[in-house]
């Protein structure tokens, strides 16, 4: 699975790389985690980088949930939680690295995976809009002053990241990896290409290195979490 990633290059570099402008004030993310509002490029607004919450909530769900952070590419067209979004709502998730945890001697060591050329890339994502249910009476909620609040609930936009079998590099750390898109495949993904038509990322295009277990805590979101550590030290 993919449960953490990073995007900390300069905003103008992100905009140039993806041919889109930020619709919000972007701040570097060294430890992007589920439940957070994060940058995406949606298929319905390709010239804009907007924010969505990581953890897809199906439109038909009774309540919001952040559990669906990943979708298996092999079954994404079969699962009711993802099927409609797969056919109608695609997105790019900009990143410059992601984290995986390898189990060694009973403990988990985090590793950061990046491109060997250091370039940012896009992960294949799906997005969805969920609207909180209305009150049971349909008359709105009562305010503290006793009047009825008939304002409509604010919709929640969420996304998930697709995963696939790992290449040889990522297999050293985990049995799944995020679906990384080549530059050439980004437009095709937004246009609706089948996920099994996407070429796997070559193993020699990626490298992994150990990082501090500080990344385990999402509140640790600083440059120190991406620094390589010496496991022998």
C-alpha atoms as a PDB file:
ATOM      1  CA  UNK A   1       0.000   0.000   0.000  1.00  0.00           C
ATOM      2  CA  UNK A   2       0.964   3.636  -0.186  1.00  0.00           C
ATOM      3  CA  UNK A   3       0.333   5.345   3.142  1.00  0.00           C
ATOM      4  CA  UNK A   4       2.700   8.332   3.095  1.00  0.00           C
ATOM      5  CA  UNK A   5       4.385  10.477   0.475  1.00  0.00           C
ATOM      6  CA  UNK A   6       6.058  13.849   0.028  1.00  0.00           C
ATOM      7  CA  UNK A   7       5.905  16.933  -2.168  1.00  0.00           C
ATOM      8  CA  UNK A   8       8.247  19.719  -1.146  1.00  0.00           C
ATOM      9  CA  UNK A   9       9.664  21.193  -4.348  1.00  0.00           C
ATOM     10  CA  UNK A  10       8.961  24.877  -4.963  1.00  0.00           C
ATOM     11  CA  UNK A  11       5.370  25.767  -5.967  1.00  0.00           C
ATOM     12  CA  UNK A  12       6.453  27.285  -9.290  1.00  0.00           C
ATOM     13  CA  UNK A  13       8.290  24.055 -10.123  1.00  0.00           C
ATOM     14  CA  UNK A  14       5.148  22.035  -9.382  1.00  0.00           C
ATOM     15  CA  UNK A  15       3.089  24.354 -11.575  1.00  0.00           C
ATOM     16  CA  UNK A  16       5.585  24.157 -14.429  1.00  0.00           C
ATOM     17  CA  UNK A  17       5.877  20.380 -14.166  1.00  0.00           C
ATOM     18  CA  UNK A  18       2.119  19.757 -14.273  1.00  0.00           C
ATOM     19  CA  UNK A  19       1.059  22.709 -16.440  1.00  0.00           C
ATOM     20  CA  UNK A  20      -1.409  23.900 -13.817  1.00  0.00           C
ATOM     21  CA  UNK A  21      -1.684  26.686 -11.241  1.00  0.00           C
ATOM     22  CA  UNK A  22      -2.296  26.311  -7.532  1.00  0.00           C
ATOM     23  CA  UNK A  23      -5.799  27.290  -6.446  1.00  0.00           C
ATOM     24  CA  UNK A  24      -4.586  27.590  -2.836  1.00  0.00           C
ATOM     25  CA  UNK A  25      -1.456  28.573  -0.912  1.00  0.00           C
ATOM     26  CA  UNK A  26       0.747  25.500  -1.192  1.00  0.00           C
ATOM     27  CA  UNK A  27       3.074  24.573   1.655  1.00  0.00           C
ATOM     28  CA  UNK A  28       5.771  21.866   1.343  1.00  0.00           C
ATOM     29  CA  UNK A  29       4.733  18.427   2.607  1.00  0.00           C
ATOM     30  CA  UNK A  30       7.487  16.108   3.780  1.00  0.00           C
ATOM     31  CA  UNK A  31       5.126  13.599   5.367  1.00  0.00           C
ATOM     32  CA  UNK A  32       1.758  13.722   3.613  1.00  0.00           C
ATOM     33  CA  UNK A  33      -0.672  11.418   5.429  1.00  0.00           C
ATOM     34  CA  UNK A  34      -4.233  10.098   5.113  1.00  0.00           C
ATOM     35  CA  UNK A  35      -6.930  12.487   6.310  1.00  0.00           C
ATOM     36  CA  UNK A  36      -5.013  15.570   5.164  1.00  0.00           C
ATOM     37  CA  UNK A  37      -5.988  18.053   2.464  1.00  0.00           C
ATOM     38  CA  UNK A  38      -3.438  17.515  -0.323  1.00  0.00           C
ATOM     39  CA  UNK A  39      -2.792  18.718  -3.902  1.00  0.00           C
ATOM     40  CA  UNK A  40      -4.404  16.952  -6.859  1.00  0.00           C
ATOM     41  CA  UNK A  41      -4.967  17.693 -10.542  1.00  0.00           C
ATOM     42  CA  UNK A  42      -8.472  16.557 -11.419  1.00  0.00           C
ATOM     43  CA  UNK A  43      -9.693  15.505 -14.850  1.00  0.00           C
ATOM     44  CA  UNK A  44     -12.412  18.168 -14.782  1.00  0.00           C
ATOM     45  CA  UNK A  45      -9.983  21.057 -14.062  1.00  0.00           C
ATOM     46  CA  UNK A  46      -6.625  20.114 -15.549  1.00  0.00           C
ATOM     47  CA  UNK A  47      -5.172  23.618 -15.443  1.00  0.00           C
ATOM     48  CA  UNK A  48      -5.735  23.936 -11.697  1.00  0.00           C
ATOM     49  CA  UNK A  49      -4.096  22.248  -8.700  1.00  0.00           C
ATOM     50  CA  UNK A  50      -6.777  21.922  -6.048  1.00  0.00           C
ATOM     51  CA  UNK A  51      -6.981  20.286  -2.618  1.00  0.00           C
ATOM     52  CA  UNK A  52      -8.789  17.074  -1.706  1.00  0.00           C
ATOM     53  CA  UNK A  53      -8.757  14.948   1.425  1.00  0.00           C
ATOM     54  CA  UNK A  54      -6.761  11.736   1.188  1.00  0.00           C
ATOM     55  CA  UNK A  55      -9.093   8.827   1.920  1.00  0.00           C
ATOM     56  CA  UNK A  56     -11.889   8.314  -0.598  1.00  0.00           C
ATOM     57  CA  UNK A  57     -15.449   8.440   0.686  1.00  0.00           C
ATOM     58  CA  UNK A  58     -17.933   6.922  -1.816  1.00  0.00           C
ATOM     59  CA  UNK A  59     -20.808   9.230  -2.722  1.00  0.00           C
ATOM     60  CA  UNK A  60     -23.291   6.697  -1.319  1.00  0.00           C
ATOM     61  CA  UNK A  61     -21.589   6.311   2.066  1.00  0.00           C
ATOM     62  CA  UNK A  62     -23.653   7.010   5.189  1.00  0.00           C
ATOM     63  CA  UNK A  63     -20.764   8.812   6.863  1.00  0.00           C
ATOM     64  CA  UNK A  64     -17.315  10.110   6.069  1.00  0.00           C
ATOM     65  CA  UNK A  65     -14.382   7.742   6.386  1.00  0.00           C
ATOM     66  CA  UNK A  66     -10.662   8.010   5.654  1.00  0.00           C
ATOM     67  CA  UNK A  67     -10.116   4.259   5.349  1.00  0.00           C
ATOM     68  CA  UNK A  68     -10.013   4.042   1.542  1.00  0.00           C
ATOM     69  CA  UNK A  69      -6.571   5.541   1.008  1.00  0.00           C
ATOM     70  CA  UNK A  70      -5.635   2.985  -1.665  1.00  0.00           C
ATOM     71  CA  UNK A  71      -7.408   1.075  -4.434  1.00  0.00           C
ATOM     72  CA  UNK A  72      -5.972  -2.145  -5.861  1.00  0.00           C
ATOM     73  CA  UNK A  73      -5.582  -1.672  -9.612  1.00  0.00           C
ATOM     74  CA  UNK A  74      -6.449  -5.332 -10.236  1.00  0.00           C
ATOM     75  CA  UNK A  75      -9.956  -4.962  -8.776  1.00  0.00           C
ATOM     76  CA  UNK A  76     -10.691  -1.224  -9.005  1.00  0.00           C
ATOM     77  CA  UNK A  77     -13.276  -1.793 -11.750  1.00  0.00           C
ATOM     78  CA  UNK A  78     -15.094  -4.389  -9.623  1.00  0.00           C
ATOM     79  CA  UNK A  79     -15.382  -2.671  -6.244  1.00  0.00           C
ATOM     80  CA  UNK A  80     -18.488  -0.534  -5.736  1.00  0.00           C
ATOM     81  CA  UNK A  81     -16.489   2.009  -3.727  1.00  0.00           C
ATOM     82  CA  UNK A  82     -14.246   2.781  -6.714  1.00  0.00           C
ATOM     83  CA  UNK A  83     -16.036   1.670  -9.899  1.00  0.00           C
ATOM     84  CA  UNK A  84     -17.864   4.906 -10.692  1.00  0.00           C
ATOM     85  CA  UNK A  85     -14.864   7.096  -9.908  1.00  0.00           C
ATOM     86  CA  UNK A  86     -12.637   4.839 -12.011  1.00  0.00           C
ATOM     87  CA  UNK A  87     -14.836   5.461 -15.031  1.00  0.00           C
ATOM     88  CA  UNK A  88     -15.650   9.104 -14.395  1.00  0.00           C
ATOM     89  CA  UNK A  89     -13.326  10.854 -11.920  1.00  0.00           C
ATOM     90  CA  UNK A  90      -9.582  10.516 -12.355  1.00  0.00           C
ATOM     91  CA  UNK A  91      -6.831  12.645 -10.854  1.00  0.00           C
ATOM     92  CA  UNK A  92      -3.075  13.051 -10.668  1.00  0.00           C
ATOM     93  CA  UNK A  93      -1.461  13.123  -7.232  1.00  0.00           C
ATOM     94  CA  UNK A  94       1.791  15.133  -7.495  1.00  0.00           C
ATOM     95  CA  UNK A  95       4.668  13.733  -5.437  1.00  0.00           C
ATOM     96  CA  UNK A  96       8.449  13.691  -5.257  1.00  0.00           C
ATOM     97  CA  UNK A  97       8.762  10.561  -3.116  1.00  0.00           C
ATOM     98  CA  UNK A  98       6.777   8.017  -1.122  1.00  0.00           C
ATOM     99  CA  UNK A  99       7.451   5.856   1.923  1.00  0.00           C
ATOM    100  CA  UNK A 100       7.337   2.127   2.497  1.00  0.00           C
ATOM    101  CA  UNK A 101       8.089   0.097   5.618  1.00  0.00           C
ATOM    102  CA  UNK A 102      10.215  -3.060   5.518  1.00  0.00           C
ATOM    103  CA  UNK A 103      10.039  -5.561   8.371  1.00  0.00           C
ATOM    104  CA  UNK A 104      13.451  -6.546   9.687  1.00  0.00           C
ATOM    105  CA  UNK A 105      13.993  -8.638  12.813  1.00  0.00           C
ATOM    106  CA  UNK A 106      10.439  -7.978  13.939  1.00  0.00           C
ATOM    107  CA  UNK A 107      10.575  -4.191  13.587  1.00  0.00           C
ATOM    108  CA  UNK A 108       9.530  -1.919  10.731  1.00  0.00           C
ATOM    109  CA  UNK A 109      12.078   0.378   9.128  1.00  0.00           C
ATOM    110  CA  UNK A 110      10.771   3.197   6.892  1.00  0.00           C
ATOM    111  CA  UNK A 111      12.332   3.841   3.500  1.00  0.00           C
ATOM    112  CA  UNK A 112      11.787   6.726   1.128  1.00  0.00           C
ATOM    113  CA  UNK A 113      11.392   5.874  -2.567  1.00  0.00           C
ATOM    114  CA  UNK A 114      12.306   8.506  -5.146  1.00  0.00           C
ATOM    115  CA  UNK A 115      13.162   8.713  -8.814  1.00  0.00           C
ATOM    116  CA  UNK A 116      16.877   8.350  -9.429  1.00  0.00           C
ATOM    117  CA  UNK A 117      16.835  11.617 -11.389  1.00  0.00           C
ATOM    118  CA  UNK A 118      15.150  13.428  -8.488  1.00  0.00           C
ATOM    119  CA  UNK A 119      12.257  14.590 -10.654  1.00  0.00           C
ATOM    120  CA  UNK A 120       8.683  14.910  -9.299  1.00  0.00           C
ATOM    121  CA  UNK A 121       6.054  12.536 -10.644  1.00  0.00           C
ATOM    122  CA  UNK A 122       2.332  11.803 -10.581  1.00  0.00           C
ATOM    123  CA  UNK A 123       0.583   8.957  -8.803  1.00  0.00           C
ATOM    124  CA  UNK A 124      -2.628   7.619 -10.349  1.00  0.00           C
ATOM    125  CA  UNK A 125      -5.641   8.679  -8.298  1.00  0.00           C
ATOM    126  CA  UNK A 126      -9.441   8.687  -8.236  1.00  0.00           C
ATOM    127  CA  UNK A 127     -11.579  11.400  -6.674  1.00  0.00           C
ATOM    128  CA  UNK A 128     -15.100  11.524  -5.317  1.00  0.00           C
ATOM    129  CA  UNK A 129     -17.551  14.011  -3.828  1.00  0.00           C
ATOM    130  CA  UNK A 130     -19.524  13.087  -0.717  1.00  0.00           C
ATOM    131  CA  UNK A 131     -22.338  15.238   0.633  1.00  0.00           C
ATOM    132  CA  UNK A 132     -23.259  14.898   4.320  1.00  0.00           C
ATOM    133  CA  UNK A 133     -26.834  13.667   4.740  1.00  0.00           C
ATOM    134  CA  UNK A 134     -29.551  16.196   5.573  1.00  0.00           C
ATOM    135  CA  UNK A 135     -31.211  16.150   8.979  1.00  0.00           C
ATOM    136  CA  UNK A 136     -33.923  13.544   9.432  1.00  0.00           C
ATOM    137  CA  UNK A 137     -36.678  16.174   9.397  1.00  0.00           C
ATOM    138  CA  UNK A 138     -35.346  17.788   6.257  1.00  0.00           C
ATOM    139  CA  UNK A 139     -35.987  21.159   7.908  1.00  0.00           C
ATOM    140  CA  UNK A 140     -32.396  21.944   8.776  1.00  0.00           C
ATOM    141  CA  UNK A 141     -30.673  22.142  12.149  1.00  0.00           C
ATOM    142  CA  UNK A 142     -31.619  24.484  14.942  1.00  0.00           C
ATOM    143  CA  UNK A 143     -29.038  27.120  15.794  1.00  0.00           C
ATOM    144  CA  UNK A 144     -28.157  28.169  19.339  1.00  0.00           C
ATOM    145  CA  UNK A 145     -30.619  31.049  18.991  1.00  0.00           C
ATOM    146  CA  UNK A 146     -33.434  28.610  18.181  1.00  0.00           C
ATOM    147  CA  UNK A 147     -33.811  29.492  14.509  1.00  0.00           C
ATOM    148  CA  UNK A 148     -33.616  26.892  11.744  1.00  0.00           C
ATOM    149  CA  UNK A 149     -30.390  26.644   9.744  1.00  0.00           C
ATOM    150  CA  UNK A 150     -31.399  25.647   6.209  1.00  0.00           C
ATOM    151  CA  UNK A 151     -27.912  25.966   4.719  1.00  0.00           C
ATOM    152  CA  UNK A 152     -26.852  23.019   2.623  1.00  0.00           C
ATOM    153  CA  UNK A 153     -24.122  20.722   4.011  1.00  0.00           C
ATOM    154  CA  UNK A 154     -20.671  21.404   2.574  1.00  0.00           C
ATOM    155  CA  UNK A 155     -19.613  18.607   0.186  1.00  0.00           C
ATOM    156  CA  UNK A 156     -16.381  16.750   0.909  1.00  0.00           C
ATOM    157  CA  UNK A 157     -13.984  16.007  -1.963  1.00  0.00           C
ATOM    158  CA  UNK A 158     -11.700  13.033  -1.362  1.00  0.00           C
ATOM    159  CA  UNK A 159      -9.210  10.913  -3.304  1.00  0.00           C
ATOM    160  CA  UNK A 160      -7.489   7.544  -3.268  1.00  0.00           C
ATOM    161  CA  UNK A 161      -4.209   6.314  -4.772  1.00  0.00           C
ATOM    162  CA  UNK A 162      -4.057   3.195  -6.928  1.00  0.00           C
ATOM    163  CA  UNK A 163      -1.571   0.429  -6.169  1.00  0.00           C
ATOM    164  CA  UNK A 164      -0.099  -2.416  -8.176  1.00  0.00           C
ATOM    165  CA  UNK A 165       2.481  -5.210  -7.952  1.00  0.00           C
ATOM    166  CA  UNK A 166       5.875  -3.690  -7.079  1.00  0.00           C
ATOM    167  CA  UNK A 167       8.872  -3.499  -9.373  1.00  0.00           C
ATOM    168  CA  UNK A 168      12.172  -5.019  -8.259  1.00  0.00           C
ATOM    169  CA  UNK A 169      13.284  -1.902  -6.388  1.00  0.00           C
ATOM    170  CA  UNK A 170      10.142  -1.458  -4.305  1.00  0.00           C
ATOM    171  CA  UNK A 171       9.801  -5.222  -3.755  1.00  0.00           C
ATOM    172  CA  UNK A 172      12.754  -4.967  -1.395  1.00  0.00           C
ATOM    173  CA  UNK A 173      10.527  -2.995   0.985  1.00  0.00           C
ATOM    174  CA  UNK A 174       6.902  -3.933   0.301  1.00  0.00           C
ATOM    175  CA  UNK A 175       4.675  -6.272  -1.720  1.00  0.00           C
ATOM    176  CA  UNK A 176       2.664  -3.375  -3.242  1.00  0.00           C
ATOM    177  CA  UNK A 177       3.547   0.015  -4.704  1.00  0.00           C
ATOM    178  CA  UNK A 178       1.697   3.104  -5.811  1.00  0.00           C
ATOM    179  CA  UNK A 179       0.877   3.352  -9.517  1.00  0.00           C
ATOM    180  CA  UNK A 180       3.422   5.858 -10.790  1.00  0.00           C
ATOM    181  CA  UNK A 181       2.624   7.526 -14.088  1.00  0.00           C
ATOM    182  CA  UNK A 182       5.163   8.429 -16.727  1.00  0.00           C
ATOM    183  CA  UNK A 183       4.818  11.937 -18.134  1.00  0.00           C
ATOM    184  CA  UNK A 184       3.422  10.454 -21.330  1.00  0.00           C
ATOM    185  CA  UNK A 185       0.767   8.498 -19.425  1.00  0.00           C
ATOM    186  CA  UNK A 186      -0.574  11.359 -17.301  1.00  0.00           C
ATOM    187  CA  UNK A 187      -2.997  12.708 -19.911  1.00  0.00           C
ATOM    188  CA  UNK A 188      -4.002   9.184 -20.898  1.00  0.00           C
ATOM    189  CA  UNK A 189      -4.840   8.394 -17.271  1.00  0.00           C
ATOM    190  CA  UNK A 190      -7.056  11.469 -16.990  1.00  0.00           C
ATOM    191  CA  UNK A 191      -8.661  10.562 -20.328  1.00  0.00           C
ATOM    192  CA  UNK A 192      -9.686   7.119 -19.030  1.00  0.00           C
ATOM    193  CA  UNK A 193      -7.042   4.618 -20.156  1.00  0.00           C
ATOM    194  CA  UNK A 194      -7.414   1.216 -18.480  1.00  0.00           C
ATOM    195  CA  UNK A 195      -5.037   0.845 -15.550  1.00  0.00           C
ATOM    196  CA  UNK A 196      -3.662  -2.463 -16.837  1.00  0.00           C
ATOM    197  CA  UNK A 197      -2.471  -0.647 -19.968  1.00  0.00           C
ATOM    198  CA  UNK A 198      -0.083   1.506 -17.931  1.00  0.00           C
ATOM    199  CA  UNK A 199       3.541   0.417 -18.182  1.00  0.00           C
ATOM    200  CA  UNK A 200       5.200  -0.410 -14.839  1.00  0.00           C
ATOM    201  CA  UNK A 201       7.872   1.995 -13.651  1.00  0.00           C
ATOM    202  CA  UNK A 202      11.311   0.539 -14.501  1.00  0.00           C
ATOM    203  CA  UNK A 203      13.159  -0.664 -11.412  1.00  0.00           C
ATOM    204  CA  UNK A 204      16.306   1.253 -12.331  1.00  0.00           C
ATOM    205  CA  UNK A 205      14.320   4.513 -12.420  1.00  0.00           C
ATOM    206  CA  UNK A 206      13.820   4.351  -8.644  1.00  0.00           C
ATOM    207  CA  UNK A 207      15.957   4.213  -5.535  1.00  0.00           C
ATOM    208  CA  UNK A 208      15.123   3.624  -1.897  1.00  0.00           C
ATOM    209  CA  UNK A 209      16.953   4.758   1.210  1.00  0.00           C
ATOM    210  CA  UNK A 210      16.291   4.449   4.962  1.00  0.00           C
ATOM    211  CA  UNK A 211      14.845   7.370   6.899  1.00  0.00           C
ATOM    212  CA  UNK A 212      14.144   8.051  10.549  1.00  0.00           C
ATOM    213  CA  UNK A 213      11.147   6.422  12.248  1.00  0.00           C
ATOM    214  CA  UNK A 214      10.058  10.002  12.958  1.00  0.00           C
ATOM    215  CA  UNK A 215       8.100   9.668   9.712  1.00  0.00           C
ATOM    216  CA  UNK A 216       5.813   7.222  11.521  1.00  0.00           C
ATOM    217  CA  UNK A 217       4.140  10.197  13.210  1.00  0.00           C
ATOM    218  CA  UNK A 218       2.229  12.423  10.724  1.00  0.00           C
ATOM    219  CA  UNK A 219       2.830  15.457  12.948  1.00  0.00           C
ATOM    220  CA  UNK A 220       6.524  15.221  12.033  1.00  0.00           C
ATOM    221  CA  UNK A 221       6.383  17.141   8.755  1.00  0.00           C
ATOM    222  CA  UNK A 222       9.799  18.749   8.369  1.00  0.00           C
ATOM    223  CA  UNK A 223      12.874  18.347   6.143  1.00  0.00           C
ATOM    224  CA  UNK A 224      14.478  16.031   8.707  1.00  0.00           C
ATOM    225  CA  UNK A 225      12.093  13.154   7.885  1.00  0.00           C
ATOM    226  CA  UNK A 226      13.401  12.859   4.291  1.00  0.00           C
ATOM    227  CA  UNK A 227      17.070  12.722   5.272  1.00  0.00           C
ATOM    228  CA  UNK A 228      18.869   9.427   4.713  1.00  0.00           C
ATOM    229  CA  UNK A 229      20.088   7.690   7.849  1.00  0.00           C
ATOM    230  CA  UNK A 230      22.863   5.184   8.435  1.00  0.00           C
ATOM    231  CA  UNK A 231      21.358   1.918   9.671  1.00  0.00           C
ATOM    232  CA  UNK A 232      24.775   0.700  10.752  1.00  0.00           C
ATOM    233  CA  UNK A 233      25.365   3.718  12.960  1.00  0.00           C
END
